[in-house]
Amino acid sequence: MAERLKIPGMLGELAAEFAGTMILILFGVGVVAQVAGGGIGDHDSIAWSWGLGVMLGVYVAGRISGAHLNPAVTIALAVFKGFEWRKVAPYSLAQFLGAFVAALLVRWNYTEVLHAADPNLTIKTQGVFSTLPGNGTLPVGEWGALRDQVIGTAILLFMILAITDAASTPPGANLTPFIIGLLVVGIGMAWGTNAGYAINPARDFGPRLASFLTGYGGAFRDQTGYLYFWIPIVGPIVGGIVGAGLYQGLVGRFLPSAAAQEPGELPTQRTESVEANRG
């Protein structure tokens, strides 16, 4: 059996973040290209493929880097969970590069289909790569889109912390990536109207830049001409911090110790024991 290559810690973590985010975007941007360019599929197939992309990306990177795959996740974990601040910028860059490379692959593969559906590479297919207020057609303004991104990412981080909290009821049998994938499917089905549920600065900016460099001259603007690209960056970062903070304040701080419970011991008993020991 071949020996595994011993990669230095940080380099291995960054490679995992790059690879996991690339897998996420290959499935996510790929399905939108198929629907918008080829007319195959619909909103539900988009939501499911994004969720599958997240699940598979987490399976790829989880053991090595924790599979953040999203600067909003990385920053929120640094604020509330002790993730090292020195790793925030490198992780975010690796995530952006993974999304950028994946989007270039999708753009290359779907070249003929995209040019047939939209010869001038306009707003009609720009949404394949990056998000727009009201998905480019509905009457949603920039501030409505920003509000949406704050709320949607707050839900994402609130639930990620709930799902992965060892002191709560985390999924067993290595099912955490599957449950997080379902979470993203749910957000896509419930929160996709106002701003396309980017909920991830790397997911939006990496493909946006890739599309700009390959012919989409208006990639950084929305359908009104507004310089929109900053909203799916700032909104998710703010929302991630808000969601993680709400989880910590409303749930996390009331949970018992993460240590294993004795057979027959109730969570309330452990909480009382912990409080007694603190006294």
Protein backbone atom coordinates (compact mmCIF):
# COMPACT_ATOMS: atom_id res chain seq x y z
CA MET A 1 0.00 0.00 0.00
CA ALA A 2 1.43 3.38 -1.02
CA GLU A 3 2.38 5.75 1.78
CA ARG A 4 0.49 9.01 2.08
CA LEU A 5 2.47 12.15 1.30
CA LYS A 6 3.30 14.07 4.46
CA ILE A 7 2.21 17.64 3.64
CA PRO A 8 2.99 20.44 6.13
CA GLY A 9 -0.06 21.39 8.20
CA MET A 10 -1.02 24.77 6.75
CA LEU A 11 -0.25 23.76 3.17
CA GLY A 12 -2.41 20.67 3.52
CA GLU A 13 -5.27 22.68 5.02
CA LEU A 14 -5.15 25.23 2.21
CA ALA A 15 -5.03 22.48 -0.43
CA ALA A 16 -8.09 20.90 1.18
CA GLU A 17 -9.99 24.21 1.24
CA PHE A 18 -9.09 24.80 -2.41
CA ALA A 19 -10.19 21.31 -3.44
CA GLY A 20 -13.37 21.27 -1.38
CA THR A 21 -14.49 24.68 -2.64
CA MET A 22 -13.67 23.66 -6.21
CA ILE A 23 -15.92 20.60 -5.91
CA LEU A 24 -18.69 22.77 -4.44
CA ILE A 25 -18.55 25.20 -7.36
CA LEU A 26 -18.24 22.53 -10.05
CA PHE A 27 -21.62 21.17 -8.99
CA GLY A 28 -23.22 24.53 -8.10
CA VAL A 29 -22.21 26.71 -11.03
CA GLY A 30 -22.36 23.68 -13.34
CA VAL A 31 -26.03 23.04 -12.64
CA VAL A 32 -26.95 26.69 -13.20
CA ALA A 33 -25.12 26.63 -16.54
CA GLN A 34 -27.09 23.53 -17.49
CA VAL A 35 -30.43 25.08 -16.53
CA ALA A 36 -29.85 28.58 -17.92
CA GLY A 37 -27.88 27.57 -20.97
CA GLY A 38 -29.36 24.23 -21.91
CA GLY A 39 -32.85 24.48 -20.47
CA ILE A 40 -32.36 21.20 -18.61
CA GLY A 41 -33.64 21.29 -15.03
CA ASP A 42 -35.28 23.91 -12.86
CA HIS A 43 -34.98 25.72 -9.53
CA ASP A 44 -35.27 22.48 -7.56
CA SER A 45 -32.44 20.82 -9.47
CA ILE A 46 -30.32 23.91 -8.78
CA ALA A 47 -31.05 23.76 -5.05
CA TRP A 48 -30.31 20.05 -4.87
CA SER A 49 -27.09 20.27 -6.85
CA TRP A 50 -25.77 23.11 -4.70
CA GLY A 51 -26.56 21.05 -1.62
CA LEU A 52 -24.83 18.00 -3.08
CA GLY A 53 -21.86 20.16 -3.97
CA VAL A 54 -21.57 21.36 -0.38
CA MET A 55 -21.90 17.82 0.95
CA LEU A 56 -19.23 16.44 -1.38
CA GLY A 57 -16.92 19.40 -0.73
CA VAL A 58 -17.18 18.82 3.01
CA TYR A 59 -16.41 15.12 2.56
CA VAL A 60 -13.34 16.09 0.52
CA ALA A 61 -11.88 18.64 2.94
CA GLY A 62 -13.44 17.92 6.33
CA ARG A 63 -10.75 15.69 7.82
CA ILE A 64 -7.89 18.03 6.91
CA SER A 65 -9.16 21.60 7.22
CA GLY A 66 -12.62 21.34 8.76
CA ALA A 67 -14.11 22.13 5.33
CA HIS A 68 -15.08 25.75 5.84
CA LEU A 69 -15.37 26.33 2.05
CA ASN A 70 -16.68 29.81 2.81
CA PRO A 71 -14.95 32.93 4.22
CA ALA A 72 -18.11 33.75 6.19
CA VAL A 73 -17.74 30.43 8.00
CA THR A 74 -14.02 30.95 8.56
CA ILE A 75 -14.50 34.44 10.00
CA ALA A 76 -17.41 33.42 12.23
CA LEU A 77 -15.40 30.50 13.61
CA ALA A 78 -12.51 32.86 14.35
CA VAL A 79 -14.84 35.24 16.20
CA PHE A 80 -16.68 32.65 18.27
CA LYS A 81 -14.91 29.28 18.14
CA GLY A 82 -11.24 30.02 18.56
CA PHE A 83 -10.16 29.44 14.96
CA GLU A 84 -6.75 31.04 14.51
CA TRP A 85 -6.97 34.53 13.03
CA ARG A 86 -3.67 34.06 11.23
CA LYS A 87 -5.38 31.40 9.09
CA VAL A 88 -8.40 33.48 8.10
CA ALA A 89 -6.83 35.27 5.11
CA PRO A 90 -5.05 32.16 3.72
CA TYR A 91 -8.20 30.04 4.08
CA SER A 92 -10.29 32.73 2.36
CA LEU A 93 -7.78 33.02 -0.49
CA ALA A 94 -7.74 29.24 -0.98
CA GLN A 95 -11.54 29.20 -1.05
CA PHE A 96 -11.63 32.04 -3.59
CA LEU A 97 -9.07 30.31 -5.82
CA GLY A 98 -10.96 27.02 -5.68
CA ALA A 99 -14.16 28.78 -6.72
CA PHE A 100 -12.34 30.74 -9.44
CA VAL A 101 -10.73 27.67 -11.02
CA ALA A 102 -13.97 25.67 -10.87
CA ALA A 103 -15.89 28.50 -12.55
CA LEU A 104 -13.30 28.67 -15.32
CA LEU A 105 -13.79 24.95 -15.92
CA VAL A 106 -17.57 25.37 -16.09
CA ARG A 107 -17.21 28.38 -18.39
CA TRP A 108 -14.93 26.42 -20.72
CA ASN A 109 -17.09 23.30 -20.74
CA TYR A 110 -20.34 25.18 -21.40
CA THR A 111 -18.88 27.65 -23.92
CA GLU A 112 -20.99 26.51 -26.86
CA VAL A 113 -24.20 26.28 -24.87
CA LEU A 114 -23.79 29.68 -23.21
CA HIS A 115 -22.96 31.42 -26.49
CA ALA A 116 -25.96 29.81 -28.19
CA ALA A 117 -28.31 30.90 -25.41
CA ASP A 118 -26.76 34.36 -24.99
CA PRO A 119 -24.38 35.31 -27.85
CA ASN A 120 -23.42 38.65 -26.30
CA LEU A 121 -22.88 37.22 -22.80
CA THR A 122 -25.30 39.57 -21.10
CA ILE A 123 -27.30 39.67 -17.91
CA LYS A 124 -29.36 36.81 -19.35
CA THR A 125 -26.70 34.24 -18.41
CA GLN A 126 -24.53 36.26 -16.02
CA GLY A 127 -26.44 34.62 -13.18
CA VAL A 128 -24.84 31.30 -14.09
CA PHE A 129 -21.71 32.52 -12.34
CA SER A 130 -22.72 35.17 -9.83
CA THR A 131 -25.80 36.32 -8.00
CA LEU A 132 -28.06 39.27 -8.76
CA PRO A 133 -30.81 41.08 -6.84
CA GLY A 134 -34.10 39.40 -7.59
CA ASN A 135 -32.13 36.93 -9.74
CA GLY A 136 -31.88 39.65 -12.37
CA THR A 137 -35.62 39.94 -13.02
CA LEU A 138 -37.65 40.51 -9.85
CA PRO A 139 -38.17 43.94 -8.21
CA VAL A 140 -35.59 43.63 -5.45
CA GLY A 141 -33.20 46.50 -4.78
CA GLU A 142 -29.61 46.38 -3.63
CA TRP A 143 -30.45 46.98 0.02
CA GLY A 144 -33.11 44.30 -0.09
CA ALA A 145 -30.48 41.93 -1.45
CA LEU A 146 -28.05 42.92 1.31
CA ARG A 147 -30.71 42.26 3.95
CA ASP A 148 -31.40 38.89 2.36
CA GLN A 149 -27.72 37.90 2.43
CA VAL A 150 -27.36 38.84 6.07
CA ILE A 151 -30.41 36.78 7.04
CA GLY A 152 -29.60 33.79 4.82
CA THR A 153 -26.01 33.51 6.02
CA ALA A 154 -27.09 33.98 9.63
CA ILE A 155 -29.35 30.94 9.21
CA LEU A 156 -26.47 29.02 7.63
CA LEU A 157 -24.02 29.71 10.48
CA PHE A 158 -26.62 29.25 13.21
CA MET A 159 -27.40 25.80 11.87
CA ILE A 160 -23.79 24.81 11.12
CA LEU A 161 -22.87 25.49 14.73
CA ALA A 162 -25.95 23.59 15.91
CA ILE A 163 -25.18 20.59 13.69
CA THR A 164 -21.48 20.41 14.59
CA ASP A 165 -21.68 21.21 18.31
CA ALA A 166 -20.29 18.17 20.13
CA ALA A 167 -22.16 19.21 23.28
CA SER A 168 -25.52 19.00 21.50
CA THR A 169 -26.83 16.22 19.25
CA PRO A 170 -24.37 16.08 16.31
CA PRO A 171 -25.08 13.59 13.51
CA GLY A 172 -23.41 10.20 13.90
CA ALA A 173 -21.86 7.80 11.40
CA ASN A 174 -20.03 10.59 9.54
CA LEU A 175 -23.35 12.10 8.39
CA THR A 176 -22.49 15.71 9.22
CA PRO A 177 -21.62 16.63 5.59
CA PHE A 178 -24.91 15.10 4.43
CA ILE A 179 -26.92 17.13 6.93
CA ILE A 180 -25.08 20.35 6.06
CA GLY A 181 -25.82 19.63 2.40
CA LEU A 182 -29.52 19.33 3.23
CA LEU A 183 -29.27 22.63 5.10
CA VAL A 184 -28.04 24.33 1.92
CA VAL A 185 -30.82 22.70 -0.10
CA GLY A 186 -33.32 24.12 2.39
CA ILE A 187 -31.83 27.61 2.23
CA GLY A 188 -31.92 27.46 -1.56
CA MET A 189 -35.57 26.46 -1.59
CA ALA A 190 -36.64 29.00 1.03
CA TRP A 191 -34.23 31.92 0.59
CA GLY A 192 -33.29 31.99 -3.08
CA THR A 193 -35.60 34.69 -4.45
CA ASN A 194 -34.16 38.01 -3.31
CA ALA A 195 -30.46 37.50 -4.02
CA GLY A 196 -29.80 33.98 -5.29
CA TYR A 197 -28.56 32.71 -1.88
CA ALA A 198 -24.85 33.29 -2.41
CA ILE A 199 -24.28 33.07 1.40
CA ASN A 200 -20.58 32.71 0.59
CA PRO A 201 -18.21 35.49 -0.57
CA ALA A 202 -15.85 33.04 -2.33
CA ARG A 203 -18.71 31.29 -4.11
CA ASP A 204 -19.83 34.59 -5.60
CA PHE A 205 -16.65 36.59 -6.18
CA GLY A 206 -14.52 33.76 -7.62
CA PRO A 207 -16.99 32.86 -10.39
CA ARG A 208 -17.84 36.54 -10.90
CA LEU A 209 -14.20 37.31 -11.65
CA ALA A 210 -13.91 34.22 -13.86
CA SER A 211 -16.91 35.32 -15.91
CA PHE A 212 -15.59 38.88 -16.19
CA LEU A 213 -12.26 37.61 -17.54
CA THR A 214 -14.00 35.40 -20.10
CA GLY A 215 -16.34 37.87 -21.74
CA TYR A 216 -19.00 39.00 -19.27
CA GLY A 217 -18.13 42.70 -19.24
CA GLY A 218 -20.94 43.59 -16.83
CA ALA A 219 -20.15 40.88 -14.31
CA PHE A 220 -19.52 43.26 -11.42
CA ARG A 221 -22.80 45.13 -11.92
CA ASP A 222 -26.44 44.17 -11.55
CA GLN A 223 -29.30 44.60 -14.03
CA THR A 224 -29.63 48.29 -13.14
CA GLY A 225 -25.93 49.03 -13.64
CA TYR A 226 -25.23 49.26 -9.91
CA LEU A 227 -21.77 48.05 -8.81
CA TYR A 228 -23.26 45.09 -6.99
CA PHE A 229 -20.35 42.73 -6.39
CA TRP A 230 -19.68 43.90 -2.80
CA ILE A 231 -23.09 42.86 -1.48
CA PRO A 232 -22.54 39.06 -1.67
CA ILE A 233 -19.22 39.66 0.11
CA VAL A 234 -20.21 41.99 2.94
CA GLY A 235 -23.71 40.56 3.54
CA PRO A 236 -22.55 36.98 4.19
CA ILE A 237 -19.67 38.07 6.44
CA VAL A 238 -22.00 40.18 8.60
CA GLY A 239 -24.70 37.50 8.54
CA GLY A 240 -22.26 34.76 9.49
CA ILE A 241 -21.11 36.65 12.57
CA VAL A 242 -24.71 37.45 13.52
CA GLY A 243 -25.86 33.83 13.11
CA ALA A 244 -22.95 32.36 15.03
CA GLY A 245 -23.42 34.92 17.78
CA LEU A 246 -27.12 34.13 18.05
CA TYR A 247 -26.38 30.42 18.33
CA GLN A 248 -23.83 31.00 21.07
CA GLY A 249 -26.14 33.35 22.95
CA LEU A 250 -29.39 31.41 22.60
CA VAL A 251 -28.22 27.79 22.65
CA GLY A 252 -24.50 27.10 22.87
CA ARG A 253 -23.86 28.65 26.27
CA PHE A 254 -26.66 26.63 27.87
CA LEU A 255 -25.46 23.22 26.68
CA PRO A 256 -23.80 20.80 29.10
CA SER A 257 -20.18 19.76 28.82
CA ALA A 258 -19.16 18.14 25.54
CA ALA A 259 -17.70 15.21 27.48
CA ALA A 260 -19.44 11.87 27.10
CA GLN A 261 -22.41 11.31 29.39
CA GLU A 262 -22.59 8.36 31.70
CA PRO A 263 -25.23 5.72 30.84
CA GLY A 264 -28.61 6.93 32.01
CA GLU A 265 -27.38 10.44 32.79
CA LEU A 266 -29.65 13.23 31.61
CA PRO A 267 -28.29 16.46 30.14
CA THR A 268 -29.85 18.42 33.00
CA GLN A 269 -27.90 16.33 35.50
CA ARG A 270 -24.64 17.10 33.74
CA THR A 271 -25.47 20.79 33.62
CA GLU A 272 -26.15 20.82 37.35
CA SER A 273 -22.90 18.95 37.95
CA VAL A 274 -20.91 21.39 35.88
CA GLU A 275 -22.47 24.36 37.68
CA ALA A 276 -21.73 22.76 41.05
CA ASN A 277 -18.10 22.22 40.11
CA ARG A 278 -17.82 25.83 38.99
CA GLY A 279 -19.11 26.93 42.40
